[in-house]
Amino acid sequence: MKQGVQFLVFSAMIGAAASCGAKEDNKQQQAPPPVSVNIDTVQQAPALYYDEYPATINALNQVDIHAQVSGYITGIYFQDGQRVTKGQRLYSIDQQKYAGDYNQAIANLNVSKANLAKAQKNADRYLELDKNDAIAKQTVDNALADLDAAKMSVEAAKASAAAVETNLRYANIYAPFSGVIGISQVKLGSAVTPGTTILNTISAEGSLAVDFAVDEKEIPRFVKMQQQGGAIGDSVFTIALPDGSVYAYPGKIALLDRAVDPQTGTIRARLEFPNPQSILKPGMTCNVRVKSYNNDAILIPTKAITEQMGEYFVYVLGDSNKAVQTKITAGMRINDKTVVKDGLTAGEKIITDGVQKVRSGAVVKPASDAAVQDSVPKQAH
């Protein structure tokens, strides 16, 4: 009997301990209280802003200068970085060998011409004698064959002289067009090889090209601007230089590439900018700024946007006050607002404050709903 009482007491203790453990587990499994957040209602409003694209400045006409004959540089006839004109001599390569070859080719040509003259006289004489049947037919035929051979010898000598003359002419290198020449890659006495040694680079002056990639979704917009041509405003296309300043001269759209790159889904666009003060240099990077006016733009507080590995997200207030992380395409920032190109529609509610404490799917407690339109900026800085 005593053992039975002890068993009942022990069982009761176990039951009490299990009950306490269950209560503790339930307490731990209880969901955390909703995070208090501020929300805004997404609305549409007119906005003037700039879309920006990373770009590279390139010369509209640029060429690398190569040697076309081998030899040693014997003359450099310009200063690095100076403006040169079309046809101006830039370099000379040792001409002694090519001049000697040319003189020999001309001498061979003269010999061939002399042989031709002799063969022509013999042929004329024998043909005259043949009219009176005063010479063997075989002799006449041989004379005519010699005449043909002499003519072909002259043509061969002319071709050889022309080839050697070309090499002699290539020993002097001239500017193919007017422009600015760079820093010489060779010095006096340097050995050069045809097709492999780059002597220098010339870029045309005047306007320069600014190339940048455009998403295929924006092709219709840029095609329309290209078709409008000079009808669009002068300040539609500007560029921000590496130091952050805006270039003083506006540009114009020159062309869109012939095809979309299937790997990136973009097409290359080219703008043309004047360069009267030579501020722009080929190879520079910049940001193209394309002025845009949208009467129904979606703008949201910039503080509502979070960035993850180059992508942008906002938290949209979903059913049962659950936060839903939504990917957006962010555009230009205007004051404390950001243009949203894709991902949101008017009427949706987004979380603006407390986003650092929110996780997708978590229940939140809205604290306020400030309409975006109350403070929509009208123009970008």
Protein backbone atom coordinates (compact mmCIF):
# COMPACT_ATOMS: atom_id res chain seq x y z
CA MET A 1 0.00 0.00 0.00
CA LYS A 2 2.81 2.35 0.79
CA GLN A 3 4.43 1.63 -2.56
CA GLY A 4 1.15 2.49 -4.34
CA VAL A 5 0.96 5.86 -2.62
CA GLN A 6 4.51 6.63 -3.57
CA PHE A 7 3.76 5.75 -7.23
CA LEU A 8 0.77 8.09 -7.29
CA VAL A 9 2.80 10.92 -5.82
CA PHE A 10 5.57 10.38 -8.36
CA SER A 11 3.08 10.32 -11.26
CA ALA A 12 1.55 13.54 -10.07
CA MET A 13 4.93 15.19 -9.94
CA ILE A 14 5.70 14.05 -13.50
CA GLY A 15 2.33 15.34 -14.70
CA ALA A 16 2.90 18.71 -13.05
CA ALA A 17 6.35 18.98 -14.61
CA ALA A 18 4.98 18.07 -18.06
CA SER A 19 2.22 20.67 -17.69
CA CYS A 20 4.76 23.36 -16.81
CA GLY A 21 6.90 22.36 -19.80
CA ALA A 22 3.95 22.55 -22.19
CA LYS A 23 3.03 26.01 -20.90
CA GLU A 24 6.64 27.11 -21.40
CA ASP A 25 6.69 25.75 -25.00
CA ASN A 26 3.41 27.49 -25.80
CA LYS A 27 4.81 30.71 -24.42
CA GLN A 28 7.90 30.39 -26.66
CA GLN A 29 5.82 29.56 -29.75
CA GLN A 30 3.64 32.62 -29.42
CA ALA A 31 4.13 35.00 -32.39
CA PRO A 32 5.92 38.28 -31.67
CA PRO A 33 3.69 41.33 -31.51
CA PRO A 34 3.11 43.17 -34.84
CA VAL A 35 5.72 45.78 -35.71
CA SER A 36 4.36 49.31 -35.72
CA VAL A 37 5.02 50.93 -39.10
CA ASN A 38 4.02 54.00 -41.07
CA ILE A 39 2.45 53.54 -44.48
CA ASP A 40 1.79 55.68 -47.55
CA THR A 41 -0.74 55.18 -50.31
CA VAL A 42 0.90 55.04 -53.77
CA GLN A 43 -0.52 57.72 -56.06
CA GLN A 44 0.20 59.13 -59.48
CA ALA A 45 1.34 62.71 -60.01
CA PRO A 46 3.06 64.77 -62.74
CA ALA A 47 6.84 64.84 -62.50
CA LEU A 48 9.75 66.25 -64.49
CA TYR A 49 12.95 64.28 -64.02
CA TYR A 50 16.00 62.78 -65.75
CA ASP A 51 16.61 59.13 -66.51
CA GLU A 52 20.31 58.35 -66.20
CA TYR A 53 22.39 55.75 -68.05
CA PRO A 54 26.11 54.97 -67.68
CA ALA A 55 27.88 55.82 -70.93
CA THR A 56 31.24 55.99 -72.67
CA ILE A 57 32.54 58.80 -74.88
CA ASN A 58 33.96 57.70 -78.23
CA ALA A 59 35.35 59.45 -81.29
CA LEU A 60 33.06 59.51 -84.31
CA ASN A 61 36.13 58.91 -86.49
CA GLN A 62 39.27 57.36 -85.06
CA VAL A 63 42.03 55.27 -86.60
CA ASP A 64 45.19 53.55 -85.44
CA ILE A 65 48.22 54.32 -87.59
CA HIS A 66 50.28 51.28 -88.61
CA ALA A 67 53.46 50.93 -90.61
CA GLN A 68 52.97 49.27 -94.00
CA VAL A 69 56.65 48.53 -94.60
CA SER A 70 59.35 47.34 -92.24
CA GLY A 71 62.35 49.40 -91.24
CA TYR A 72 63.56 51.97 -88.72
CA ILE A 73 61.84 55.24 -87.89
CA THR A 74 63.97 58.06 -89.31
CA GLY A 75 61.63 61.02 -88.84
CA ILE A 76 58.74 62.20 -86.63
CA TYR A 77 57.12 65.39 -87.90
CA PHE A 78 54.59 66.41 -85.23
CA GLN A 79 54.26 67.16 -81.55
CA ASP A 80 52.33 64.73 -79.35
CA GLY A 81 48.72 65.83 -78.93
CA GLN A 82 48.79 68.45 -81.66
CA ARG A 83 46.17 69.00 -84.35
CA VAL A 84 47.19 67.60 -87.71
CA THR A 85 45.64 68.09 -91.15
CA LYS A 86 44.78 65.51 -93.78
CA GLY A 87 47.84 64.62 -95.87
CA GLN A 88 50.36 65.96 -93.33
CA ARG A 89 53.49 63.81 -93.07
CA LEU A 90 53.73 62.15 -89.67
CA TYR A 91 56.53 59.56 -89.85
CA SER A 92 59.25 58.45 -92.21
CA ILE A 93 60.86 55.00 -92.33
CA ASP A 94 64.40 54.36 -93.60
CA GLN A 95 64.10 54.68 -97.39
CA GLN A 96 67.55 53.62 -98.54
CA LYS A 97 66.61 50.03 -99.30
CA TYR A 98 63.32 50.96 -100.96
CA ALA A 99 64.94 53.76 -102.97
CA GLY A 100 67.65 51.34 -104.18
CA ASP A 101 65.06 48.75 -105.14
CA TYR A 102 63.07 51.40 -106.99
CA ASN A 103 66.09 52.63 -108.95
CA GLN A 104 66.90 49.05 -109.94
CA ALA A 105 63.31 48.43 -111.01
CA ILE A 106 63.33 51.56 -113.18
CA ALA A 107 66.61 50.45 -114.76
CA ASN A 108 65.13 47.03 -115.54
CA LEU A 109 62.09 48.74 -117.04
CA ASN A 110 64.31 50.86 -119.29
CA VAL A 111 66.18 47.77 -120.44
CA SER A 112 62.89 46.05 -121.25
CA LYS A 113 61.73 49.08 -123.20
CA ALA A 114 64.97 49.11 -125.19
CA ASN A 115 64.58 45.43 -125.99
CA LEU A 116 61.01 46.10 -127.05
CA ALA A 117 62.13 48.87 -129.40
CA LYS A 118 64.73 46.56 -130.95
CA ALA A 119 62.23 43.73 -131.33
CA GLN A 120 59.73 46.12 -132.91
CA LYS A 121 62.29 47.29 -135.50
CA ASN A 122 63.24 43.73 -136.39
CA ALA A 123 59.62 42.73 -136.73
CA ASP A 124 58.84 45.74 -138.95
CA ARG A 125 61.87 45.02 -141.17
CA TYR A 126 61.08 41.34 -141.57
CA LEU A 127 57.44 42.03 -142.31
CA GLU A 128 58.44 44.42 -145.08
CA LEU A 129 60.76 41.80 -146.58
CA ASP A 130 58.03 39.20 -146.26
CA LYS A 131 55.79 41.30 -148.51
CA ASN A 132 58.34 40.78 -151.35
CA ASP A 133 58.85 37.15 -150.40
CA ALA A 134 62.49 37.99 -149.69
CA ILE A 135 62.82 36.28 -146.30
CA ALA A 136 62.07 32.91 -144.82
CA LYS A 137 58.69 32.59 -143.12
CA GLN A 138 60.31 31.07 -140.05
CA THR A 139 62.44 34.18 -139.55
CA VAL A 140 59.35 36.40 -139.62
CA ASP A 141 57.54 34.21 -137.13
CA ASN A 142 60.51 34.27 -134.78
CA ALA A 143 60.69 38.06 -134.99
CA LEU A 144 57.01 38.42 -134.13
CA ALA A 145 57.41 36.03 -131.18
CA ASP A 146 60.37 38.04 -129.93
CA LEU A 147 58.24 41.19 -130.21
CA ASP A 148 55.47 39.67 -128.08
CA ALA A 149 57.99 38.50 -125.50
CA ALA A 150 59.51 41.98 -125.36
CA LYS A 151 56.09 43.54 -124.80
CA MET A 152 55.33 41.16 -121.93
CA SER A 153 58.74 41.84 -120.44
CA VAL A 154 57.97 45.57 -120.40
CA GLU A 155 54.62 44.95 -118.65
CA ALA A 156 56.32 42.77 -116.04
CA ALA A 157 58.98 45.42 -115.46
CA LYS A 158 56.28 48.09 -115.04
CA ALA A 159 54.47 45.97 -112.44
CA SER A 160 57.69 45.37 -110.54
CA ALA A 161 58.52 49.08 -110.59
CA ALA A 162 55.03 49.97 -109.38
CA ALA A 163 55.29 47.54 -106.44
CA VAL A 164 58.65 48.92 -105.39
CA GLU A 165 57.37 52.48 -105.82
CA THR A 166 54.46 51.63 -103.47
CA ASN A 167 56.89 50.43 -100.79
CA LEU A 168 58.90 53.61 -101.24
CA ARG A 169 55.75 55.71 -100.89
CA TYR A 170 54.69 53.77 -97.77
CA ALA A 171 58.00 54.70 -96.18
CA ASN A 172 56.36 58.08 -95.57
CA ILE A 173 53.23 57.98 -93.40
CA TYR A 174 50.62 60.73 -93.74
CA ALA A 175 47.53 61.71 -91.75
CA PRO A 176 44.42 60.08 -93.27
CA PHE A 177 42.17 62.91 -92.03
CA SER A 178 42.34 66.06 -89.93
CA GLY A 179 42.17 65.60 -86.19
CA VAL A 180 44.16 65.33 -82.98
CA ILE A 181 47.07 62.92 -82.83
CA GLY A 182 47.98 61.11 -79.64
CA ILE A 183 51.27 60.29 -77.97
CA SER A 184 53.67 58.54 -80.30
CA GLN A 185 54.16 54.86 -79.51
CA VAL A 186 57.56 54.77 -81.26
CA LYS A 187 60.65 56.93 -81.17
CA LEU A 188 63.41 57.72 -83.65
CA GLY A 189 65.33 54.57 -84.46
CA SER A 190 62.53 52.21 -83.44
CA ALA A 191 62.10 49.16 -85.66
CA VAL A 192 58.58 48.76 -87.04
CA THR A 193 56.81 45.83 -88.70
CA PRO A 194 53.90 46.04 -91.16
CA GLY A 195 50.47 45.45 -89.63
CA THR A 196 51.67 44.82 -86.08
CA THR A 197 53.29 48.00 -84.78
CA ILE A 198 50.86 50.77 -83.83
CA LEU A 199 52.62 54.08 -84.30
CA ASN A 200 49.88 56.40 -83.05
CA THR A 201 46.14 57.12 -83.04
CA ILE A 202 44.26 60.00 -84.65
CA SER A 203 40.79 61.11 -83.55
CA ALA A 204 38.62 63.49 -85.52
CA GLU A 205 37.84 66.84 -83.92
CA GLY A 206 34.42 68.41 -83.54
CA SER A 207 31.54 66.28 -82.35
CA LEU A 208 32.04 63.15 -80.25
CA ALA A 209 29.80 60.13 -79.74
CA VAL A 210 28.34 59.07 -76.39
CA ASP A 211 27.33 55.40 -76.37
CA PHE A 212 25.10 53.75 -73.76
CA ALA A 213 22.88 50.69 -73.38
CA VAL A 214 19.10 50.98 -73.44
CA ASP A 215 16.76 48.27 -72.16
CA GLU A 216 14.71 46.74 -74.96
CA LYS A 217 11.53 47.92 -73.21
CA GLU A 218 12.57 51.50 -73.90
CA ILE A 219 13.24 51.05 -77.63
CA PRO A 220 9.88 52.57 -78.74
CA ARG A 221 10.58 55.67 -76.66
CA PHE A 222 14.02 56.22 -78.19
CA VAL A 223 12.82 55.41 -81.71
CA LYS A 224 10.18 58.12 -81.30
CA MET A 225 12.81 60.63 -80.15
CA GLN A 226 15.03 59.67 -83.08
CA GLN A 227 12.17 60.22 -85.53
CA GLN A 228 11.40 63.61 -83.99
CA GLY A 229 15.01 64.63 -84.56
CA GLY A 230 15.45 68.39 -84.22
CA ALA A 231 11.83 68.82 -83.13
CA ILE A 232 12.59 67.74 -79.56
CA GLY A 233 13.96 70.23 -77.06
CA ASP A 234 17.65 71.06 -77.04
CA SER A 235 18.05 70.05 -73.40
CA VAL A 236 16.53 66.56 -73.66
CA PHE A 237 19.98 64.92 -73.78
CA THR A 238 22.73 66.07 -71.43
CA ILE A 239 25.65 64.31 -69.77
CA ALA A 240 27.09 64.41 -66.27
CA LEU A 241 30.89 64.31 -66.34
CA PRO A 242 33.05 62.22 -63.96
CA ASP A 243 33.47 65.21 -61.62
CA GLY A 244 29.69 65.46 -61.24
CA SER A 245 29.29 68.62 -63.34
CA VAL A 246 26.77 68.77 -66.18
CA TYR A 247 28.31 69.33 -69.62
CA ALA A 248 27.41 72.75 -70.99
CA TYR A 249 26.32 71.63 -74.45
CA PRO A 250 23.24 69.45 -75.10
CA GLY A 251 23.40 66.54 -77.49
CA LYS A 252 21.17 64.92 -80.07
CA ILE A 253 20.31 61.29 -80.75
CA ALA A 254 22.31 59.91 -83.65
CA LEU A 255 21.30 56.27 -83.97
CA LEU A 256 20.16 53.05 -82.37
CA ASP A 257 22.16 49.92 -83.11
CA ARG A 258 20.77 47.46 -85.66
CA ALA A 259 19.94 44.70 -83.15
CA VAL A 260 19.32 43.90 -79.48
CA ASP A 261 22.00 41.99 -77.62
CA PRO A 262 20.22 38.71 -76.72
CA GLN A 263 22.50 38.12 -73.72
CA THR A 264 21.73 41.44 -72.01
CA GLY A 265 18.38 42.40 -73.53
CA THR A 266 19.73 45.87 -74.35
CA ILE A 267 20.44 47.86 -77.49
CA ARG A 268 23.22 50.39 -77.93
CA ALA A 269 22.17 53.99 -78.44
CA ARG A 270 24.46 56.76 -79.64
CA LEU A 271 24.20 60.48 -78.95
CA GLU A 272 26.29 63.17 -80.61
CA PHE A 273 27.70 66.11 -78.63
CA PRO A 274 29.67 69.14 -79.84
CA ASN A 275 33.12 69.52 -78.35
CA PRO A 276 34.32 73.06 -79.15
CA GLN A 277 36.50 73.37 -76.05
CA SER A 278 37.93 69.82 -76.25
CA ILE A 279 36.60 69.01 -72.78
CA LEU A 280 35.33 65.61 -73.90
CA LYS A 281 37.96 62.96 -74.57
CA PRO A 282 37.47 59.53 -76.17
CA GLY A 283 37.38 56.82 -73.52
CA MET A 284 35.86 59.02 -70.78
CA THR A 285 32.92 57.68 -68.79
CA CYS A 286 29.87 59.76 -68.02
CA ASN A 287 26.16 59.51 -67.25
CA VAL A 288 23.64 60.28 -69.97
CA ARG A 289 20.70 62.30 -68.65
CA VAL A 290 17.47 62.01 -70.66
CA LYS A 291 14.81 64.52 -69.65
CA SER A 292 11.43 62.92 -69.06
CA TYR A 293 8.02 64.33 -68.22
CA ASN A 294 5.39 61.92 -66.96
CA ASN A 295 1.94 63.22 -66.15
CA ASP A 296 1.11 60.01 -64.27
CA ALA A 297 4.39 59.14 -62.62
CA ILE A 298 4.57 56.81 -59.64
CA LEU A 299 6.65 58.45 -56.90
CA ILE A 300 7.26 57.02 -53.45
CA PRO A 301 9.38 58.09 -50.47
CA THR A 302 12.97 57.04 -51.05
CA LYS A 303 13.22 55.80 -47.46
CA ALA A 304 10.68 53.08 -48.30
CA ILE A 305 13.13 51.44 -50.73
CA THR A 306 15.61 48.76 -49.70
CA GLU A 307 18.48 47.51 -51.86
CA GLN A 308 19.68 43.91 -52.02
CA MET A 309 22.53 42.95 -54.36
CA GLY A 310 21.77 45.72 -56.84
CA GLU A 311 18.01 45.13 -56.84
CA TYR A 312 15.39 47.36 -55.23
CA PHE A 313 12.41 46.34 -53.09
CA VAL A 314 9.56 47.84 -51.10
CA TYR A 315 7.16 46.27 -48.60
CA VAL A 316 3.55 46.36 -49.76
CA LEU A 317 0.80 46.04 -47.19
CA GLY A 318 -1.11 42.89 -48.10
CA ASP A 319 -4.08 40.98 -46.72
CA SER A 320 -4.36 40.75 -42.94
CA ASN A 321 -1.76 43.53 -42.66
CA LYS A 322 1.01 41.21 -43.86
CA ALA A 323 4.12 42.81 -45.34
CA VAL A 324 4.88 41.55 -48.88
CA GLN A 325 8.33 42.25 -50.23
CA THR A 326 7.93 43.50 -53.83
CA LYS A 327 10.67 44.10 -56.41
CA ILE A 328 10.56 47.45 -58.23
CA THR A 329 12.44 49.23 -60.98
CA ALA A 330 13.68 52.45 -59.42
CA GLY A 331 14.19 55.54 -61.56
CA MET A 332 15.38 59.07 -60.88
CA ARG A 333 15.42 60.45 -57.36
CA ILE A 334 13.54 63.75 -56.95
CA ASN A 335 14.16 65.43 -53.61
CA ASP A 336 13.04 62.83 -51.03
CA LYS A 337 11.00 60.85 -53.58
CA THR A 338 11.99 58.26 -56.16
CA VAL A 339 10.30 57.53 -59.48
CA VAL A 340 9.16 53.92 -59.76
CA LYS A 341 9.19 52.69 -63.36
CA ASP A 342 7.77 49.25 -62.69
CA GLY A 343 6.50 47.13 -59.79
CA LEU A 344 3.87 49.36 -58.14
CA THR A 345 0.43 50.67 -59.06
CA ALA A 346 -1.59 53.55 -57.72
CA GLY A 347 -3.67 52.69 -54.66
CA GLU A 348 -1.26 50.17 -53.13
CA LYS A 349 -0.08 50.83 -49.61
CA ILE A 350 3.62 50.64 -48.86
CA ILE A 351 5.60 50.71 -45.63
CA THR A 352 7.71 53.83 -45.28
CA ASP A 353 9.04 53.73 -41.70
CA GLY A 354 10.20 50.71 -39.81
CA VAL A 355 11.23 48.74 -42.91
CA GLN A 356 14.44 47.62 -41.16
CA LYS A 357 12.36 45.66 -38.65
CA VAL A 358 10.01 44.11 -41.19
CA ARG A 359 10.30 40.72 -42.87
CA SER A 360 8.27 39.48 -45.80
CA GLY A 361 5.12 37.75 -44.55
CA ALA A 362 5.25 39.33 -41.10
CA VAL A 363 2.15 40.98 -39.69
CA VAL A 364 2.56 44.72 -39.12
CA LYS A 365 0.56 47.38 -37.34
CA PRO A 366 -0.05 50.46 -39.55
CA ALA A 367 0.40 53.67 -37.61
CA SER A 368 -0.49 56.23 -40.29
CA ASP A 369 -1.35 56.64 -43.96
CA ALA A 370 0.11 59.84 -45.39
CA ALA A 371 -0.91 60.44 -48.99
CA VAL A 372 2.02 60.79 -51.35
CA GLN A 373 0.35 63.55 -53.33
CA ASP A 374 0.53 65.94 -50.38
CA SER A 375 4.23 66.52 -50.99
CA VAL A 376 4.93 65.46 -54.59
CA PRO A 377 7.83 67.46 -56.08
CA LYS A 378 7.30 68.84 -59.54
CA GLN A 379 10.84 68.98 -60.86
CA ALA A 380 14.15 67.20 -60.42
CA HIS A 381 17.20 69.06 -59.17
